[in-house]
Amino acid sequence: PFDNELTTDQGRELIDDLAAFGSPVMLFS
């Protein structure tokens, strides 16, 4: 386990920003 990963809420904020920015694809890796 790593303790410095973005949380679920921070991930949602990231997605909100990317969607508004017009990024067409989110590749989860």
All heavy atoms as atom14 arrays in JSON, in Angstrom:
{
  "sequence": "PFDNELTTDQGRELIDDLAAFGSPVMLFS",
  "atom14_mask": [
    [1, 1, 1, 1, 1, 1, 1, 0, 0, 0, 0, 0, 0, 0],
    [1, 1, 1, 1, 1, 1, 1, 1, 1, 1, 1, 0, 0, 0],
    [1, 1, 1, 1, 1, 1, 1, 1, 0, 0, 0, 0, 0, 0],
    [1, 1, 1, 1, 1, 1, 1, 1, 0, 0, 0, 0, 0, 0],
    [1, 1, 1, 1, 1, 1, 1, 1, 1, 0, 0, 0, 0, 0],
    [1, 1, 1, 1, 1, 1, 1, 1, 0, 0, 0, 0, 0, 0],
    [1, 1, 1, 1, 1, 1, 1, 0, 0, 0, 0, 0, 0, 0],
    [1, 1, 1, 1, 1, 1, 1, 0, 0, 0, 0, 0, 0, 0],
    [1, 1, 1, 1, 1, 1, 1, 1, 0, 0, 0, 0, 0, 0],
    [1, 1, 1, 1, 1, 1, 1, 1, 1, 0, 0, 0, 0, 0],
    [1, 1, 1, 1, 0, 0, 0, 0, 0, 0, 0, 0, 0, 0],
    [1, 1, 1, 1, 1, 1, 1, 1, 1, 1, 1, 0, 0, 0],
    [1, 1, 1, 1, 1, 1, 1, 1, 1, 0, 0, 0, 0, 0],
    [1, 1, 1, 1, 1, 1, 1, 1, 0, 0, 0, 0, 0, 0],
    [1, 1, 1, 1, 1, 1, 1, 1, 0, 0, 0, 0, 0, 0],
    [1, 1, 1, 1, 1, 1, 1, 1, 0, 0, 0, 0, 0, 0],
    [1, 1, 1, 1, 1, 1, 1, 1, 0, 0, 0, 0, 0, 0],
    [1, 1, 1, 1, 1, 1, 1, 1, 0, 0, 0, 0, 0, 0],
    [1, 1, 1, 1, 1, 0, 0, 0, 0, 0, 0, 0, 0, 0],
    [1, 1, 1, 1, 1, 0, 0, 0, 0, 0, 0, 0, 0, 0],
    [1, 1, 1, 1, 1, 1, 1, 1, 1, 1, 1, 0, 0, 0],
    [1, 1, 1, 1, 0, 0, 0, 0, 0, 0, 0, 0, 0, 0],
    [1, 1, 1, 1, 1, 1, 0, 0, 0, 0, 0, 0, 0, 0],
    [1, 1, 1, 1, 1, 1, 1, 0, 0, 0, 0, 0, 0, 0],
    [1, 1, 1, 1, 1, 1, 1, 0, 0, 0, 0, 0, 0, 0],
    [1, 1, 1, 1, 1, 1, 1, 1, 0, 0, 0, 0, 0, 0],
    [1, 1, 1, 1, 1, 1, 1, 1, 0, 0, 0, 0, 0, 0],
    [1, 1, 1, 1, 1, 1, 1, 1, 1, 1, 1, 0, 0, 0],
    [1, 1, 1, 1, 1, 1, 0, 0, 0, 0, 0, 0, 0, 0]
  ],
  "atom14_positions": [
    [[0.84, -1.21, 0.0], [0.0, 0.0, 0.0], [0.87, 1.26, 0.0], [1.96, 1.28, 0.57], [-0.8, -0.13, 1.29], [0.02, -1.01, 2.18], [0.74, -1.96, 1.28], [0.0, 0.0, 0.0], [0.0, 0.0, 0.0], [0.0, 0.0, 0.0], [0.0, 0.0, 0.0], [0.0, 0.0, 0.0], [0.0, 0.0, 0.0], [0.0, 0.0, 0.0]],
    [[0.39, 2.3, -0.67], [1.05, 3.6, -0.67], [0.09, 4.62, -0.09], [-1.11, 4.59, -0.38], [1.46, 3.99, -2.09], [2.54, 3.11, -2.68], [2.19, 1.96, -3.38], [3.88, 3.43, -2.53], [3.17, 1.15, -3.93], [4.87, 2.62, -3.06], [4.51, 1.47, -3.77], [0.0, 0.0, 0.0], [0.0, 0.0, 0.0], [0.0, 0.0, 0.0]],
    [[0.6, 5.52, 0.72], [-0.28, 6.44, 1.45], [-0.36, 7.82, 0.82], [-0.95, 8.74, 1.41], [0.16, 6.55, 2.91], [1.59, 7.06, 3.06], [2.21, 7.45, 2.04], [2.09, 7.07, 4.21], [0.0, 0.0, 0.0], [0.0, 0.0, 0.0], [0.0, 0.0, 0.0], [0.0, 0.0, 0.0], [0.0, 0.0, 0.0], [0.0, 0.0, 0.0]],
    [[0.22, 8.02, -0.38], [0.23, 9.36, -0.97], [-0.64, 9.45, -2.21], [-0.49, 10.38, -3.01], [1.66, 9.77, -1.32], [2.3, 8.84, -2.34], [1.83, 7.73, -2.56], [3.39, 9.28, -2.96], [0.0, 0.0, 0.0], [0.0, 0.0, 0.0], [0.0, 0.0, 0.0], [0.0, 0.0, 0.0], [0.0, 0.0, 0.0], [0.0, 0.0, 0.0]],
    [[-1.56, 8.5, -2.4], [-2.39, 8.51, -3.61], [-3.56, 9.46, -3.47], [-4.06, 9.7, -2.36], [-2.89, 7.09, -3.88], [-1.76, 6.12, -4.19], [-2.22, 4.68, -4.34], [-3.41, 4.4, -4.09], [-1.38, 3.84, -4.71], [0.0, 0.0, 0.0], [0.0, 0.0, 0.0], [0.0, 0.0, 0.0], [0.0, 0.0, 0.0], [0.0, 0.0, 0.0]],
    [[-4.0, 10.02, -4.6], [-5.18, 10.88, -4.58], [-6.37, 10.12, -4.01], [-6.57, 8.94, -4.31], [-5.51, 11.35, -6.01], [-4.51, 12.26, -6.71], [-5.02, 12.6, -8.11], [-4.25, 13.53, -5.92], [0.0, 0.0, 0.0], [0.0, 0.0, 0.0], [0.0, 0.0, 0.0], [0.0, 0.0, 0.0], [0.0, 0.0, 0.0], [0.0, 0.0, 0.0]],
    [[-7.15, 10.79, -3.2], [-8.34, 10.17, -2.64], [-9.45, 10.12, -3.68], [-9.36, 10.71, -4.75], [-8.84, 10.98, -1.43], [-9.27, 12.28, -1.89], [-7.73, 11.15, -0.39], [0.0, 0.0, 0.0], [0.0, 0.0, 0.0], [0.0, 0.0, 0.0], [0.0, 0.0, 0.0], [0.0, 0.0, 0.0], [0.0, 0.0, 0.0], [0.0, 0.0, 0.0]],
    [[-10.53, 9.44, -3.33], [-11.68, 9.38, -4.24], [-12.22, 10.78, -4.53], [-12.51, 11.12, -5.68], [-12.79, 8.51, -3.64], [-12.28, 7.2, -3.35], [-13.97, 8.38, -4.6], [0.0, 0.0, 0.0], [0.0, 0.0, 0.0], [0.0, 0.0, 0.0], [0.0, 0.0, 0.0], [0.0, 0.0, 0.0], [0.0, 0.0, 0.0], [0.0, 0.0, 0.0]],
    [[-12.35, 11.6, -3.5], [-12.86, 12.96, -3.68], [-11.91, 13.79, -4.54], [-12.36, 14.57, -5.4], [-13.07, 13.65, -2.33], [-14.28, 13.1, -1.58], [-15.14, 12.45, -2.23], [-14.37, 13.31, -0.35], [0.0, 0.0, 0.0], [0.0, 0.0, 0.0], [0.0, 0.0, 0.0], [0.0, 0.0, 0.0], [0.0, 0.0, 0.0], [0.0, 0.0, 0.0]],
    [[-10.61, 13.64, -4.32], [-9.65, 14.37, -5.15], [-9.7, 13.88, -6.59], [-9.53, 14.67, -7.53], [-8.24, 14.21, -4.57], [-8.02, 14.97, -3.27], [-6.72, 14.62, -2.59], [-6.22, 13.49, -2.69], [-6.15, 15.59, -1.88], [0.0, 0.0, 0.0], [0.0, 0.0, 0.0], [0.0, 0.0, 0.0], [0.0, 0.0, 0.0], [0.0, 0.0, 0.0]],
    [[-9.96, 12.59, -6.76], [-10.11, 12.04, -8.11], [-11.31, 12.62, -8.82], [-11.27, 12.93, -10.02], [0.0, 0.0, 0.0], [0.0, 0.0, 0.0], [0.0, 0.0, 0.0], [0.0, 0.0, 0.0], [0.0, 0.0, 0.0], [0.0, 0.0, 0.0], [0.0, 0.0, 0.0], [0.0, 0.0, 0.0], [0.0, 0.0, 0.0], [0.0, 0.0, 0.0]],
    [[-12.41, 12.78, -8.08], [-13.61, 13.4, -8.67], [-13.33, 14.84, -9.09], [-13.77, 15.3, -10.15], [-14.76, 13.37, -7.65], [-15.42, 12.0, -7.49], [-16.44, 12.04, -6.36], [-17.22, 10.82, -6.29], [-18.39, 10.64, -6.88], [-18.91, 11.61, -7.61], [-19.05, 9.51, -6.75], [0.0, 0.0, 0.0], [0.0, 0.0, 0.0], [0.0, 0.0, 0.0]],
    [[-12.59, 15.57, -8.26], [-12.24, 16.95, -8.6], [-11.38, 16.99, -9.86], [-11.56, 17.87, -10.72], [-11.49, 17.6, -7.43], [-12.36, 17.84, -6.21], [-11.56, 18.37, -5.03], [-10.34, 18.63, -5.2], [-12.14, 18.54, -3.94], [0.0, 0.0, 0.0], [0.0, 0.0, 0.0], [0.0, 0.0, 0.0], [0.0, 0.0, 0.0], [0.0, 0.0, 0.0]],
    [[-10.47, 16.05, -9.99], [-9.64, 15.96, -11.19], [-10.51, 15.71, -12.42], [-10.34, 16.36, -13.46], [-8.62, 14.83, -11.02], [-7.81, 14.45, -12.27], [-6.95, 15.62, -12.74], [-6.94, 13.22, -11.99], [0.0, 0.0, 0.0], [0.0, 0.0, 0.0], [0.0, 0.0, 0.0], [0.0, 0.0, 0.0], [0.0, 0.0, 0.0], [0.0, 0.0, 0.0]],
    [[-11.43, 14.78, -12.31], [-12.32, 14.46, -13.44], [-13.2, 15.65, -13.8], [-13.4, 15.95, -14.98], [-13.16, 13.22, -13.1], [-12.26, 11.97, -13.03], [-14.27, 13.01, -14.13], [-12.92, 10.76, -12.4], [0.0, 0.0, 0.0], [0.0, 0.0, 0.0], [0.0, 0.0, 0.0], [0.0, 0.0, 0.0], [0.0, 0.0, 0.0], [0.0, 0.0, 0.0]],
    [[-13.72, 16.35, -12.8], [-14.51, 17.56, -13.05], [-13.72, 18.55, -13.9], [-14.22, 19.12, -14.88], [-14.91, 18.23, -11.73], [-16.05, 17.51, -11.02], [-16.8, 16.77, -11.68], [-16.17, 17.69, -9.78], [0.0, 0.0, 0.0], [0.0, 0.0, 0.0], [0.0, 0.0, 0.0], [0.0, 0.0, 0.0], [0.0, 0.0, 0.0], [0.0, 0.0, 0.0]],
    [[-12.48, 18.76, -13.51], [-11.63, 19.73, -14.22], [-11.34, 19.26, -15.64], [-11.42, 20.05, -16.59], [-10.32, 19.93, -13.43], [-9.36, 20.85, -14.15], [-9.75, 21.99, -14.46], [-8.22, 20.42, -14.42], [0.0, 0.0, 0.0], [0.0, 0.0, 0.0], [0.0, 0.0, 0.0], [0.0, 0.0, 0.0], [0.0, 0.0, 0.0], [0.0, 0.0, 0.0]],
    [[-10.99, 17.99, -15.8], [-10.65, 17.47, -17.13], [-11.86, 17.51, -18.06], [-11.72, 17.85, -19.25], [-10.13, 16.04, -17.02], [-8.77, 15.87, -16.33], [-8.43, 14.39, -16.18], [-7.68, 16.58, -17.13], [0.0, 0.0, 0.0], [0.0, 0.0, 0.0], [0.0, 0.0, 0.0], [0.0, 0.0, 0.0], [0.0, 0.0, 0.0], [0.0, 0.0, 0.0]],
    [[-13.02, 17.18, -17.54], [-14.23, 17.21, -18.37], [-14.53, 18.63, -18.83], [-14.86, 18.86, -20.0], [-15.41, 16.62, -17.59], [0.0, 0.0, 0.0], [0.0, 0.0, 0.0], [0.0, 0.0, 0.0], [0.0, 0.0, 0.0], [0.0, 0.0, 0.0], [0.0, 0.0, 0.0], [0.0, 0.0, 0.0], [0.0, 0.0, 0.0], [0.0, 0.0, 0.0]],
    [[-14.42, 19.59, -17.92], [-14.67, 20.99, -18.27], [-13.61, 21.5, -19.25], [-13.89, 22.35, -20.1], [-14.67, 21.85, -17.01], [0.0, 0.0, 0.0], [0.0, 0.0, 0.0], [0.0, 0.0, 0.0], [0.0, 0.0, 0.0], [0.0, 0.0, 0.0], [0.0, 0.0, 0.0], [0.0, 0.0, 0.0], [0.0, 0.0, 0.0], [0.0, 0.0, 0.0]],
    [[-12.4, 20.97, -19.15], [-11.29, 21.36, -20.01], [-11.43, 20.8, -21.43], [-10.82, 21.3, -22.36], [-9.98, 20.88, -19.36], [-8.72, 21.33, -20.04], [-8.53, 22.66, -20.4], [-7.72, 20.42, -20.3], [-7.35, 23.07, -21.01], [-6.53, 20.81, -20.91], [-6.35, 22.14, -21.27], [0.0, 0.0, 0.0], [0.0, 0.0, 0.0], [0.0, 0.0, 0.0]],
    [[-12.23, 19.76, -21.56], [-12.44, 19.16, -22.86], [-11.58, 17.96, -23.17], [-11.5, 17.52, -24.32], [0.0, 0.0, 0.0], [0.0, 0.0, 0.0], [0.0, 0.0, 0.0], [0.0, 0.0, 0.0], [0.0, 0.0, 0.0], [0.0, 0.0, 0.0], [0.0, 0.0, 0.0], [0.0, 0.0, 0.0], [0.0, 0.0, 0.0], [0.0, 0.0, 0.0]],
    [[-10.92, 17.39, -22.15], [-10.15, 16.17, -22.38], [-11.1, 15.05, -22.76], [-12.04, 14.76, -22.02], [-9.36, 15.79, -21.12], [-8.36, 16.74, -20.84], [0.0, 0.0, 0.0], [0.0, 0.0, 0.0], [0.0, 0.0, 0.0], [0.0, 0.0, 0.0], [0.0, 0.0, 0.0], [0.0, 0.0, 0.0], [0.0, 0.0, 0.0], [0.0, 0.0, 0.0]],
    [[-10.87, 14.39, -23.9], [-11.87, 13.43, -24.38], [-11.81, 12.06, -23.71], [-12.8, 11.35, -23.67], [-11.53, 13.3, -25.87], [-10.06, 13.6, -25.94], [-9.79, 14.61, -24.87], [0.0, 0.0, 0.0], [0.0, 0.0, 0.0], [0.0, 0.0, 0.0], [0.0, 0.0, 0.0], [0.0, 0.0, 0.0], [0.0, 0.0, 0.0], [0.0, 0.0, 0.0]],
    [[-10.63, 11.71, -23.18], [-10.44, 10.34, -22.67], [-9.69, 10.37, -21.34], [-8.72, 11.11, -21.18], [-9.64, 9.48, -23.67], [-9.38, 8.08, -23.08], [-10.37, 9.36, -25.0], [0.0, 0.0, 0.0], [0.0, 0.0, 0.0], [0.0, 0.0, 0.0], [0.0, 0.0, 0.0], [0.0, 0.0, 0.0], [0.0, 0.0, 0.0], [0.0, 0.0, 0.0]],
    [[-10.16, 9.56, -20.41], [-9.43, 9.29, -19.18], [-8.97, 7.84, -19.23], [-9.79, 6.92, -19.29], [-10.31, 9.51, -17.95], [-9.71, 9.02, -16.64], [-8.32, 10.0, -16.09], [-9.18, 11.29, -15.18], [0.0, 0.0, 0.0], [0.0, 0.0, 0.0], [0.0, 0.0, 0.0], [0.0, 0.0, 0.0], [0.0, 0.0, 0.0], [0.0, 0.0, 0.0]],
    [[-7.64, 7.65, -19.25], [-7.08, 6.31, -19.28], [-6.59, 5.98, -17.87], [-5.61, 6.55, -17.4], [-5.94, 6.23, -20.29], [-5.43, 4.84, -20.68], [-4.62, 4.9, -21.97], [-4.57, 4.19, -19.59], [0.0, 0.0, 0.0], [0.0, 0.0, 0.0], [0.0, 0.0, 0.0], [0.0, 0.0, 0.0], [0.0, 0.0, 0.0], [0.0, 0.0, 0.0]],
    [[-7.28, 5.08, -17.22], [-6.9, 4.66, -15.87], [-5.82, 3.59, -15.96], [-6.0, 2.54, -16.58], [-8.11, 4.11, -15.12], [-9.18, 5.11, -14.84], [-10.22, 5.31, -15.74], [-9.15, 5.87, -13.67], [-11.22, 6.25, -15.48], [-10.15, 6.8, -13.4], [-11.18, 6.99, -14.31], [0.0, 0.0, 0.0], [0.0, 0.0, 0.0], [0.0, 0.0, 0.0]],
    [[-4.67, 3.89, -15.33], [-3.56, 2.95, -15.38], [-2.96, 2.84, -13.99], [-3.59, 3.21, -13.0], [-2.53, 3.44, -16.42], [-1.5, 2.5, -16.6], [0.0, 0.0, 0.0], [0.0, 0.0, 0.0], [0.0, 0.0, 0.0], [0.0, 0.0, 0.0], [0.0, 0.0, 0.0], [0.0, 0.0, 0.0], [0.0, 0.0, 0.0], [0.0, 0.0, 0.0]]
  ]
}
